Amino acid sequence: MERIVELEDLLPALGVRVVFDHYGDPSLPKASGPVNPYDIKGFRSLIRLLKTGTTWVKISGAYRLSHLDSDIWEDLDPVTLELFEQAPKRVVFGSDWPHTRFEGLDVRPWVSHILDLTEGKQWLRERLFRDNALELWGVNKTQSTCNGDR
């Protein structure tokens, strides 16, 4: 995430869509309490880029970033919640499959935890798990390929 600071002025001028995976790769401090996302170098730049309308961030790879021995990696919760708050139209869920170097990892508890963090807001769930990806990849929501239509 630290490198995002260097890209903040350049990316919007390129006129292309940009996706940061793994939350933008923040370096989480080994703290005893909740982290303030704005204390993470590059987080403010990421938020500003998300607000340009051409940048997205994947909620993915939490197990690669967390310092916790857990299956829900709640030390990322403050980052997740702030992304939901500041840029709900620019977050995209990613399972990070095939979990290279973490074979056998079960992300189902984490996915359930992410659903909990949406606090039952159906519109946010639809944005995170479907609508934002459709917009990012330029897929028309009314376009159907389910019945073999192409």
Protein backbone atom coordinates (compact mmCIF):
# COMPACT_ATOMS: atom_id res chain seq x y z
CA MET A 1 0.00 0.00 0.00
CA GLU A 2 2.93 2.32 0.58
CA ARG A 3 3.57 2.47 -3.19
CA ILE A 4 0.03 3.74 -3.83
CA VAL A 5 1.17 7.16 -2.61
CA GLU A 6 3.57 7.29 -5.57
CA LEU A 7 0.80 6.34 -8.01
CA GLU A 8 -1.92 8.68 -6.76
CA ASP A 9 -1.28 11.49 -9.25
CA LEU A 10 -0.38 9.23 -12.17
CA LEU A 11 -3.23 6.69 -12.27
CA PRO A 12 -6.21 9.01 -12.89
CA ALA A 13 -4.39 10.60 -15.84
CA LEU A 14 -3.96 7.23 -17.58
CA GLY A 15 -7.66 6.87 -18.35
CA VAL A 16 -7.71 3.16 -17.50
CA ARG A 17 -9.40 1.08 -14.84
CA VAL A 18 -7.13 -0.03 -12.02
CA VAL A 19 -7.73 -2.76 -9.46
CA PHE A 20 -5.66 -3.20 -6.31
CA ASP A 21 -5.88 -6.72 -4.95
CA HIS A 22 -5.45 -7.87 -1.36
CA TYR A 23 -6.88 -4.67 0.11
CA GLY A 24 -4.12 -2.73 -1.65
CA ASP A 25 -1.53 -4.71 0.38
CA PRO A 26 -1.53 -2.74 3.64
CA SER A 27 1.25 -3.32 6.16
CA LEU A 28 -0.75 -3.89 9.31
CA PRO A 29 0.97 -2.96 12.55
CA LYS A 30 1.26 -5.67 15.17
CA ALA A 31 -1.05 -3.83 17.56
CA SER A 32 -2.92 -5.03 20.60
CA GLY A 33 -6.02 -3.05 19.65
CA PRO A 34 -7.87 -2.02 16.51
CA VAL A 35 -5.78 -0.27 13.90
CA ASN A 36 -6.75 3.12 12.54
CA PRO A 37 -6.67 2.58 8.75
CA TYR A 38 -5.51 6.17 8.24
CA ASP A 39 -2.35 5.35 10.19
CA ILE A 40 -1.39 2.88 7.44
CA LYS A 41 0.86 4.55 4.87
CA GLY A 42 -0.99 4.78 1.56
CA PHE A 43 -4.52 4.28 2.89
CA ARG A 44 -5.53 7.92 2.37
CA SER A 45 -4.17 7.78 -1.18
CA LEU A 46 -6.13 4.59 -1.83
CA ILE A 47 -9.36 6.23 -0.62
CA ARG A 48 -8.75 9.26 -2.84
CA LEU A 49 -8.08 7.01 -5.84
CA LEU A 50 -11.24 4.99 -5.18
CA LYS A 51 -13.21 8.22 -5.28
CA THR A 52 -11.93 9.07 -8.78
CA GLY A 53 -14.25 6.43 -10.23
CA THR A 54 -11.58 4.53 -12.15
CA THR A 55 -10.03 2.57 -9.28
CA TRP A 56 -11.32 -0.46 -7.38
CA VAL A 57 -9.92 -2.52 -4.51
CA LYS A 58 -10.42 -6.24 -3.97
CA ILE A 59 -11.39 -7.44 -0.55
CA SER A 60 -9.19 -10.51 -0.88
CA GLY A 61 -6.21 -12.34 0.54
CA ALA A 62 -6.87 -11.34 4.15
CA TYR A 63 -4.94 -14.40 5.35
CA ARG A 64 -1.86 -13.03 3.56
CA LEU A 65 -2.03 -9.72 5.46
CA SER A 66 -3.23 -10.58 8.95
CA HIS A 67 -1.03 -11.12 11.98
CA LEU A 68 -3.71 -13.23 13.67
CA ASP A 69 -3.89 -16.98 13.93
CA SER A 70 -7.55 -16.97 12.98
CA ASP A 71 -9.87 -17.92 10.17
CA ILE A 72 -11.63 -14.54 10.02
CA TRP A 73 -8.60 -12.23 10.30
CA GLU A 74 -10.45 -9.54 12.22
CA ASP A 75 -7.41 -7.26 12.47
CA LEU A 76 -8.45 -6.17 8.96
CA ASP A 77 -11.97 -5.23 10.11
CA PRO A 78 -11.24 -1.50 10.54
CA VAL A 79 -9.81 -1.38 7.01
CA THR A 80 -12.77 -3.32 5.60
CA LEU A 81 -15.32 -1.15 7.37
CA GLU A 82 -13.67 2.09 6.25
CA LEU A 83 -13.57 0.88 2.65
CA PHE A 84 -17.27 0.02 2.92
CA GLU A 85 -17.97 3.47 4.36
CA GLN A 86 -15.84 5.58 2.03
CA ALA A 87 -16.09 3.69 -1.27
CA PRO A 88 -18.93 1.14 -1.28
CA LYS A 89 -19.12 1.28 -5.08
CA ARG A 90 -15.41 0.53 -5.48
CA VAL A 91 -14.90 -2.63 -3.39
CA VAL A 92 -14.98 -6.03 -5.07
CA PHE A 93 -14.91 -9.36 -3.29
CA GLY A 94 -12.23 -11.83 -4.32
CA SER A 95 -11.78 -15.32 -2.88
CA ASP A 96 -8.06 -15.29 -3.78
CA TRP A 97 -8.37 -18.89 -4.94
CA PRO A 98 -6.27 -21.04 -5.51
CA HIS A 99 -4.54 -19.79 -2.33
CA THR A 100 -1.00 -20.49 -3.47
CA ARG A 101 1.31 -21.29 -0.56
CA PHE A 102 -1.85 -21.72 1.57
CA GLU A 103 -3.24 -24.90 0.02
CA GLY A 104 -6.23 -26.36 1.85
CA LEU A 105 -7.30 -22.99 3.24
CA ASP A 106 -11.03 -22.72 3.96
CA VAL A 107 -12.21 -19.15 3.41
CA ARG A 108 -15.86 -19.87 4.25
CA PRO A 109 -15.58 -18.54 7.84
CA TRP A 110 -14.00 -15.35 6.51
CA VAL A 111 -16.69 -14.92 3.84
CA SER A 112 -19.32 -15.33 6.55
CA HIS A 113 -17.48 -12.73 8.63
CA ILE A 114 -17.40 -10.30 5.68
CA LEU A 115 -21.17 -10.77 5.34
CA ASP A 116 -21.50 -9.94 9.05
CA LEU A 117 -19.48 -6.75 8.51
CA THR A 118 -22.06 -5.57 5.96
CA GLU A 119 -24.47 -5.39 8.93
CA GLY A 120 -27.29 -6.91 6.91
CA LYS A 121 -27.20 -4.15 4.28
CA GLN A 122 -28.39 -6.03 1.22
CA TRP A 123 -27.42 -3.18 -1.11
CA LEU A 124 -23.81 -3.38 0.18
CA ARG A 125 -23.70 -7.15 -0.23
CA GLU A 126 -24.95 -6.83 -3.79
CA ARG A 127 -22.35 -4.16 -4.49
CA LEU A 128 -19.49 -6.13 -2.94
CA PHE A 129 -20.29 -9.54 -4.40
CA ARG A 130 -21.85 -8.62 -7.76
CA ASP A 131 -22.64 -5.10 -8.95
CA ASN A 132 -19.20 -3.54 -8.50
CA ALA A 133 -17.57 -6.40 -10.40
CA LEU A 134 -20.11 -6.06 -13.21
CA GLU A 135 -19.26 -2.37 -13.50
CA LEU A 136 -15.52 -2.95 -13.23
CA TRP A 137 -15.48 -5.56 -15.98
CA GLY A 138 -18.03 -3.74 -18.14
CA VAL A 139 -20.68 -6.45 -17.99
CA ASN A 140 -24.24 -5.37 -18.72
CA LYS A 141 -26.48 -6.55 -15.86
CA THR A 142 -29.32 -7.28 -18.26
CA GLN A 143 -27.11 -9.39 -20.50
CA SER A 144 -27.77 -13.07 -19.94
CA THR A 145 -25.63 -16.01 -20.88
CA CYS A 146 -27.40 -18.41 -18.54
CA ASN A 147 -29.67 -19.73 -21.30
CA GLY A 148 -26.95 -19.96 -23.90
CA ASP A 149 -27.66 -16.43 -25.18
CA ARG A 150 -24.54 -14.70 -26.35
